[in-house]
Amino acid sequence: MSRRTLVTGGSGYFGSILVRALHERGDGVRVLDLNDADDRPADVEFVRADITDAPLVREAVAGVDVVFHNVAQVPLARDRCLFESVNVGGTATLLRACEDAGVAKVVHTSSSAVFGVPAHNPVTRQTIPHPMEAYGRAKYDAELLCAAATTRGLDISIVRPRTILGHGRLGIFAILFDWIADGAAVPVLGRGDNRYQFVHADDLADACLRAGDRPGSATYNIGAEVFGTMRKTLEDLCMYAGTGARVRSVPLTPAAIGMRGASALGLAPFGPYHWLMYGREMWFDLTPAQEELGWRAGYTTAEMFADSYDWFLAHRHRLSGNAPSHHRRPARQGVLRLGKRLLS
């Protein structure tokens, strides 16, 4: 028997992939978002609403069995007020509506940003979150709201993904793919020997669906099983592209300062998480998801970058800056266009 599901943020990059996965397996699907997406299946219901609009959110959750909560202002938004109102306030509004409606299960998509720069890897269930910038703090505050709601009887699973890739993933990755496609040098901070984990959107969707099927509140950290250093990841992609692009090291501290300054002046699309983490290490222990959900990652890091790059090439000349979310449209390069020429 199919379930009735609600995907908040279902027009966004990952939300739209989750909508398709639910739809393909026969679940009834409803989307709540401020913007509709042109690839929404015709028989998927759409509710245009702000996640902070309590009456409309209550209408959206009515009659729903499982809610997949993906609405979030992402780091590219660089707006502390929106992080608080949407990521925290919106989550509070949704959880209250779910409690009142008797929703059986909530799957909350969080972020690895709640850990800041971890002191030790791998990050486990026992690792204490320590966010270091506004986006990470807002996502952790939303997790705390989820934890409080579970004490009142709401069944919530939290899924924390590493950096998401996959077909259609743009945002700041569109800049990387553009440089490689044109054979430009690709910068890596320091030696690039920091191990850095990503996750394919399809693997993440599979984890969320499995979490939604499993009763009982839990937290799952999700990422690729096969991954390496940042330098190796970028070198593999350059080799795959075959455009002559090469990886070039730049000093970590000056580069991070430059990224921060360019962002503050509105000259580059970086958020604090980018300059904090690009040269740092982070990877997850995946054991709980593997053992409790029966989940396994289907993509290696090399495979997910190749998949993402191929999609970019196929759609490069018709990409729109009007897509319904930051991750579904290419980030503006700004001053990075000059950097592209200088490093080449």
Protein backbone atom coordinates (compact mmCIF):
# COMPACT_ATOMS: atom_id res chain seq x y z
CA MET A 1 0.00 0.00 0.00
CA SER A 2 1.47 3.34 -1.02
CA ARG A 3 2.07 6.04 1.52
CA ARG A 4 1.08 9.67 1.36
CA THR A 5 4.23 11.77 1.52
CA LEU A 6 5.12 15.45 1.68
CA VAL A 7 8.46 16.78 0.47
CA THR A 8 9.19 20.28 1.69
CA GLY A 9 11.60 22.03 -0.64
CA GLY A 10 10.58 19.59 -3.33
CA SER A 11 11.48 22.02 -6.14
CA GLY A 12 15.08 22.31 -5.00
CA TYR A 13 17.97 20.22 -6.26
CA PHE A 14 17.89 17.36 -3.80
CA GLY A 15 14.17 17.75 -3.06
CA SER A 16 13.30 17.20 -6.71
CA ILE A 17 15.39 14.02 -6.83
CA LEU A 18 13.67 12.76 -3.70
CA VAL A 19 10.27 13.56 -5.24
CA ARG A 20 11.10 11.46 -8.30
CA ALA A 21 12.34 8.56 -6.17
CA LEU A 22 9.13 8.54 -4.10
CA HIS A 23 6.98 8.91 -7.20
CA GLU A 24 8.73 6.07 -9.03
CA ARG A 25 8.12 3.64 -6.21
CA GLY A 26 4.42 4.45 -6.14
CA ASP A 27 4.03 6.73 -3.14
CA GLY A 28 1.56 9.57 -3.27
CA VAL A 29 3.65 12.76 -3.29
CA ARG A 30 2.91 16.36 -2.40
CA VAL A 31 5.46 19.17 -2.69
CA LEU A 32 5.59 22.28 -0.53
CA ASP A 33 7.78 25.03 -1.95
CA LEU A 34 7.75 28.72 -2.79
CA ASN A 35 8.50 27.90 -6.43
CA ASP A 36 7.27 25.18 -8.72
CA ALA A 37 9.71 23.18 -10.86
CA ASP A 38 9.20 22.43 -14.53
CA ASP A 39 10.24 18.81 -14.01
CA ARG A 40 7.63 18.02 -11.36
CA PRO A 41 5.61 14.94 -12.41
CA ALA A 42 2.09 15.90 -13.43
CA ASP A 43 0.43 13.76 -10.76
CA VAL A 44 2.56 15.16 -7.92
CA GLU A 45 0.56 17.72 -6.00
CA PHE A 46 2.08 21.17 -5.49
CA VAL A 47 1.42 23.52 -2.57
CA ARG A 48 2.91 26.99 -2.95
CA ALA A 49 3.81 28.11 0.54
CA ASP A 50 6.51 29.60 2.73
CA ILE A 51 7.67 27.09 5.33
CA THR A 52 7.11 29.73 8.02
CA ASP A 53 3.43 30.20 7.08
CA ALA A 54 1.80 28.09 9.79
CA PRO A 55 -1.76 27.87 8.31
CA LEU A 56 -0.48 26.79 4.88
CA VAL A 57 2.00 24.34 6.39
CA ARG A 58 -0.82 22.77 8.41
CA GLU A 59 -2.83 22.36 5.20
CA ALA A 60 0.16 20.77 3.46
CA VAL A 61 0.71 18.11 6.16
CA ALA A 62 -2.96 17.21 6.45
CA GLY A 63 -3.52 13.56 5.58
CA VAL A 64 0.20 12.85 5.14
CA ASP A 65 1.92 9.73 6.53
CA VAL A 66 5.59 10.70 6.08
CA VAL A 67 7.18 14.13 5.76
CA PHE A 68 10.60 14.63 4.16
CA HIS A 69 11.84 18.03 5.30
CA ASN A 70 14.30 19.61 2.87
CA VAL A 71 13.47 23.32 2.88
CA ALA A 72 16.63 25.24 3.77
CA GLN A 73 18.53 28.36 2.93
CA VAL A 74 21.91 27.00 1.82
CA PRO A 75 25.37 28.53 2.44
CA LEU A 76 25.30 30.35 -0.92
CA ALA A 77 22.43 32.47 0.44
CA ARG A 78 24.86 34.08 2.92
CA ASP A 79 21.95 35.58 4.87
CA ARG A 80 21.98 35.05 8.64
CA CYS A 81 18.39 36.24 9.01
CA LEU A 82 17.14 33.77 6.41
CA PHE A 83 19.12 30.96 8.04
CA GLU A 84 17.28 31.69 11.28
CA SER A 85 13.81 32.29 9.86
CA VAL A 86 13.79 29.42 7.34
CA ASN A 87 16.14 26.76 8.69
CA VAL A 88 15.17 27.20 12.34
CA GLY A 89 11.80 28.94 12.39
CA GLY A 90 10.50 26.98 9.41
CA THR A 91 11.50 23.69 11.02
CA ALA A 92 9.71 24.67 14.21
CA THR A 93 6.56 25.52 12.25
CA LEU A 94 6.65 22.23 10.36
CA LEU A 95 7.24 20.08 13.45
CA ARG A 96 4.30 21.68 15.27
CA ALA A 97 2.07 21.02 12.27
CA CYS A 98 3.26 17.40 12.08
CA GLU A 99 2.54 16.84 15.77
CA ASP A 100 -0.93 18.32 15.47
CA ALA A 101 -1.70 16.28 12.33
CA GLY A 102 -0.48 12.99 13.77
CA VAL A 103 2.17 12.46 11.07
CA ALA A 104 3.70 9.02 11.52
CA LYS A 105 7.26 9.86 10.46
CA VAL A 106 9.47 12.86 9.71
CA VAL A 107 12.81 12.61 7.92
CA HIS A 108 14.79 15.80 8.46
CA THR A 109 17.66 16.51 6.06
CA SER A 110 20.36 18.27 8.05
CA SER A 111 23.98 19.02 7.11
CA SER A 112 27.53 18.02 7.90
CA ALA A 113 28.07 21.74 8.60
CA VAL A 114 26.78 21.07 12.12
CA PHE A 115 30.25 19.63 12.86
CA GLY A 116 32.28 22.61 11.68
CA VAL A 117 35.89 21.45 11.29
CA PRO A 118 35.93 18.18 13.26
CA ALA A 119 38.83 17.50 15.61
CA HIS A 120 38.83 13.82 14.64
CA ASN A 121 37.70 11.69 11.72
CA PRO A 122 35.64 9.75 10.98
CA VAL A 123 32.71 11.67 12.38
CA THR A 124 30.41 9.25 14.21
CA ARG A 125 27.04 9.34 15.93
CA GLN A 126 28.93 10.12 19.13
CA THR A 127 30.77 13.15 17.67
CA ILE A 128 29.45 16.29 19.34
CA PRO A 129 28.33 18.92 16.80
CA HIS A 130 30.34 22.14 16.85
CA PRO A 131 29.13 24.46 14.06
CA MET A 132 31.48 27.32 13.22
CA GLU A 133 29.37 29.63 11.04
CA ALA A 134 25.79 30.86 10.77
CA TYR A 135 24.49 28.21 8.38
CA GLY A 136 25.85 25.33 10.45
CA ARG A 137 24.50 26.83 13.67
CA ALA A 138 21.04 27.20 12.14
CA LYS A 139 21.05 23.60 10.93
CA TYR A 140 22.13 22.39 14.37
CA ASP A 141 19.42 24.48 16.05
CA ALA A 142 16.92 22.74 13.74
CA GLU A 143 18.30 19.38 14.87
CA LEU A 144 17.76 20.40 18.49
CA LEU A 145 14.14 21.23 17.66
CA CYS A 146 13.79 17.74 16.19
CA ALA A 147 15.27 16.20 19.32
CA ALA A 148 12.79 18.13 21.48
CA ALA A 149 9.87 17.01 19.31
CA THR A 150 10.86 13.36 19.72
CA THR A 151 10.40 13.73 23.49
CA ARG A 152 6.79 14.66 22.74
CA GLY A 153 6.29 11.49 20.69
CA LEU A 154 7.04 12.58 17.12
CA ASP A 155 9.06 9.95 15.22
CA ILE A 156 11.94 11.78 13.52
CA SER A 157 15.02 10.52 11.74
CA ILE A 158 17.80 13.03 10.98
CA VAL A 159 19.90 12.45 7.87
CA ARG A 160 23.17 14.38 7.60
CA PRO A 161 24.72 14.31 4.11
CA ARG A 162 28.24 15.18 3.12
CA THR A 163 28.55 17.61 0.19
CA ILE A 164 25.98 16.56 -2.43
CA LEU A 165 26.79 15.88 -6.08
CA GLY A 166 24.99 14.24 -8.99
CA HIS A 167 23.34 14.93 -12.33
CA GLY A 168 21.95 18.46 -12.33
CA ARG A 169 24.01 19.70 -9.38
CA LEU A 170 25.17 23.21 -10.14
CA GLY A 171 25.69 26.07 -7.68
CA ILE A 172 29.38 26.55 -6.96
CA PHE A 173 30.24 23.27 -8.72
CA ALA A 174 29.23 24.87 -12.02
CA ILE A 175 32.31 27.09 -11.66
CA LEU A 176 34.59 24.08 -11.19
CA PHE A 177 33.08 22.29 -14.18
CA ASP A 178 33.31 25.44 -16.33
CA TRP A 179 37.01 25.83 -15.58
CA ILE A 180 37.78 22.18 -16.29
CA ALA A 181 35.75 22.18 -19.50
CA ASP A 182 37.81 25.15 -20.74
CA GLY A 183 41.12 23.55 -19.73
CA ALA A 184 41.84 26.08 -16.98
CA ALA A 185 43.97 25.31 -13.94
CA VAL A 186 41.95 24.24 -10.90
CA PRO A 187 43.14 25.53 -7.51
CA VAL A 188 43.47 23.30 -4.47
CA LEU A 189 44.30 24.76 -1.05
CA GLY A 190 47.72 23.78 0.19
CA ARG A 191 48.86 20.34 -0.94
CA GLY A 192 45.28 19.14 -1.27
CA ASP A 193 46.04 16.08 0.84
CA ASN A 194 42.92 16.57 2.96
CA ARG A 195 40.55 13.59 2.72
CA TYR A 196 37.14 14.89 1.75
CA GLN A 197 33.93 12.92 1.35
CA PHE A 198 31.01 13.69 -0.95
CA VAL A 199 27.68 11.92 -1.56
CA HIS A 200 25.68 11.33 -4.72
CA ALA A 201 22.12 12.68 -4.57
CA ASP A 202 20.70 9.30 -5.62
CA ASP A 203 22.49 7.56 -2.74
CA LEU A 204 21.23 10.22 -0.35
CA ALA A 205 17.66 9.83 -1.61
CA ASP A 206 17.90 6.08 -1.06
CA ALA A 207 19.04 6.67 2.53
CA CYS A 208 16.17 9.09 3.16
CA LEU A 209 13.59 6.66 1.79
CA ARG A 210 14.97 3.88 3.95
CA ALA A 211 14.94 6.14 7.00
CA GLY A 212 11.33 7.03 6.23
CA ASP A 213 10.42 3.34 6.15
CA ARG A 214 12.08 2.53 9.47
CA PRO A 215 10.12 3.32 12.65
CA GLY A 216 12.02 4.84 15.54
CA SER A 217 13.95 8.08 15.84
CA ALA A 218 17.61 7.92 14.78
CA THR A 219 20.40 9.94 13.18
CA TYR A 220 22.30 8.81 10.09
CA ASN A 221 25.48 10.28 8.59
CA ILE A 222 25.61 9.66 4.84
CA GLY A 223 28.49 9.84 2.37
CA ALA A 224 30.46 7.92 -0.25
CA GLU A 225 32.17 4.72 0.80
CA VAL A 226 35.04 5.16 -1.67
CA PHE A 227 36.71 8.58 -1.58
CA GLY A 228 40.14 10.16 -1.28
CA THR A 229 41.96 13.46 -0.97
CA MET A 230 40.75 16.69 -2.52
CA ARG A 231 43.74 16.72 -4.89
CA LYS A 232 43.10 13.16 -6.06
CA THR A 233 39.40 13.91 -6.58
CA LEU A 234 40.15 16.92 -8.77
CA GLU A 235 42.98 15.22 -10.64
CA ASP A 236 40.71 12.30 -11.45
CA LEU A 237 38.07 14.67 -12.82
CA CYS A 238 40.64 16.59 -14.90
CA MET A 239 41.88 13.31 -16.35
CA TYR A 240 38.33 12.18 -17.06
CA ALA A 241 37.50 15.47 -18.81
CA GLY A 242 40.60 15.29 -21.01
CA THR A 243 40.67 19.04 -21.61
CA GLY A 244 44.20 19.72 -20.40
CA ALA A 245 43.00 21.14 -17.09
CA ARG A 246 45.46 20.61 -14.22
CA VAL A 247 45.31 20.98 -10.45
CA ARG A 248 47.43 23.77 -9.03
CA SER A 249 48.21 24.32 -5.34
CA VAL A 250 47.64 27.74 -3.79
CA PRO A 251 48.65 28.68 -0.22
CA LEU A 252 45.84 27.70 2.15
CA THR A 253 45.74 30.67 4.54
CA PRO A 254 46.07 33.50 1.98
CA ALA A 255 43.54 31.79 -0.28
CA ALA A 256 41.02 31.41 2.54
CA ILE A 257 41.50 35.10 3.45
CA GLY A 258 40.99 36.04 -0.20
CA MET A 259 37.85 33.94 -0.45
CA ARG A 260 36.46 35.58 2.67
CA GLY A 261 37.27 39.09 1.46
CA ALA A 262 35.84 38.55 -2.01
CA SER A 263 32.67 37.18 -0.49
CA ALA A 264 32.31 40.12 1.90
CA LEU A 265 32.60 42.52 -1.05
CA GLY A 266 30.08 40.56 -3.10
CA LEU A 267 32.73 39.70 -5.68
CA ALA A 268 32.57 35.91 -5.36
CA PRO A 269 29.87 33.37 -4.43
CA PHE A 270 31.58 31.88 -1.39
CA GLY A 271 29.92 31.29 1.97
CA PRO A 272 31.88 30.89 5.22
CA TYR A 273 31.58 27.11 5.02
CA HIS A 274 33.52 27.11 1.75
CA TRP A 275 36.64 28.81 3.05
CA LEU A 276 36.44 26.93 6.34
CA MET A 277 36.22 23.46 4.79
CA TYR A 278 37.73 23.36 1.28
CA GLY A 279 41.20 22.71 2.67
CA ARG A 280 40.10 20.62 5.68
CA GLU A 281 39.30 16.97 6.28
CA MET A 282 35.94 15.42 7.00
CA TRP A 283 34.40 12.03 6.50
CA PHE A 284 31.62 10.05 8.12
CA ASP A 285 31.39 6.65 9.74
CA LEU A 286 28.59 5.03 7.74
CA THR A 287 28.10 1.95 9.91
CA PRO A 288 24.69 2.86 11.46
CA ALA A 289 23.13 3.50 8.04
CA GLN A 290 24.61 0.30 6.65
CA GLU A 291 23.54 -1.88 9.57
CA GLU A 292 20.17 -0.33 10.49
CA LEU A 293 18.90 0.77 7.08
CA GLY A 294 20.60 -1.82 4.90
CA TRP A 295 21.96 1.14 2.90
CA ARG A 296 25.10 1.11 0.76
CA ALA A 297 26.55 3.87 -1.35
CA GLY A 298 26.25 3.16 -5.06
CA TYR A 299 28.70 5.81 -6.28
CA THR A 300 32.39 6.37 -5.65
CA THR A 301 33.62 9.96 -5.54
CA ALA A 302 35.17 9.63 -9.01
CA GLU A 303 31.90 8.28 -10.43
CA MET A 304 29.73 11.01 -8.93
CA PHE A 305 32.03 13.78 -10.20
CA ALA A 306 32.02 12.24 -13.67
CA ASP A 307 28.21 12.00 -13.59
CA SER A 308 27.89 15.63 -12.48
CA TYR A 309 30.41 16.88 -15.04
CA ASP A 310 28.78 15.00 -17.92
CA TRP A 311 25.39 16.51 -17.06
CA PHE A 312 26.96 19.98 -16.95
CA LEU A 313 28.54 19.52 -20.39
CA ALA A 314 25.28 18.27 -21.88
CA HIS A 315 23.34 21.28 -20.57
CA ARG A 316 26.07 23.95 -20.42
CA HIS A 317 24.75 26.21 -23.15
CA ARG A 318 21.18 26.30 -21.92
CA LEU A 319 21.64 26.66 -18.18
CA SER A 320 19.30 29.17 -16.57
CA GLY A 321 19.95 31.56 -13.75
CA ASN A 322 16.22 31.42 -12.93
CA ALA A 323 16.07 27.87 -11.57
CA PRO A 324 14.08 27.49 -8.32
CA SER A 325 17.08 26.94 -6.01
CA HIS A 326 20.74 27.88 -5.59
CA HIS A 327 21.91 24.35 -6.35
CA ARG A 328 19.88 24.08 -9.57
CA ARG A 329 21.43 27.17 -11.17
CA PRO A 330 25.08 28.07 -11.78
CA ALA A 331 26.68 30.39 -9.24
CA ARG A 332 27.90 33.70 -10.62
CA GLN A 333 31.68 33.64 -10.95
CA GLY A 334 32.30 37.34 -10.33
CA VAL A 335 35.99 38.04 -9.72
CA LEU A 336 36.73 34.33 -10.16
CA ARG A 337 36.68 34.90 -13.93
CA LEU A 338 39.90 36.87 -13.46
CA GLY A 339 41.30 34.04 -11.33
CA LYS A 340 40.47 31.60 -14.11
CA ARG A 341 42.66 33.57 -16.51
CA LEU A 342 45.48 34.13 -14.02
CA LEU A 343 45.77 30.44 -13.07
CA SER A 344 45.66 29.20 -16.66
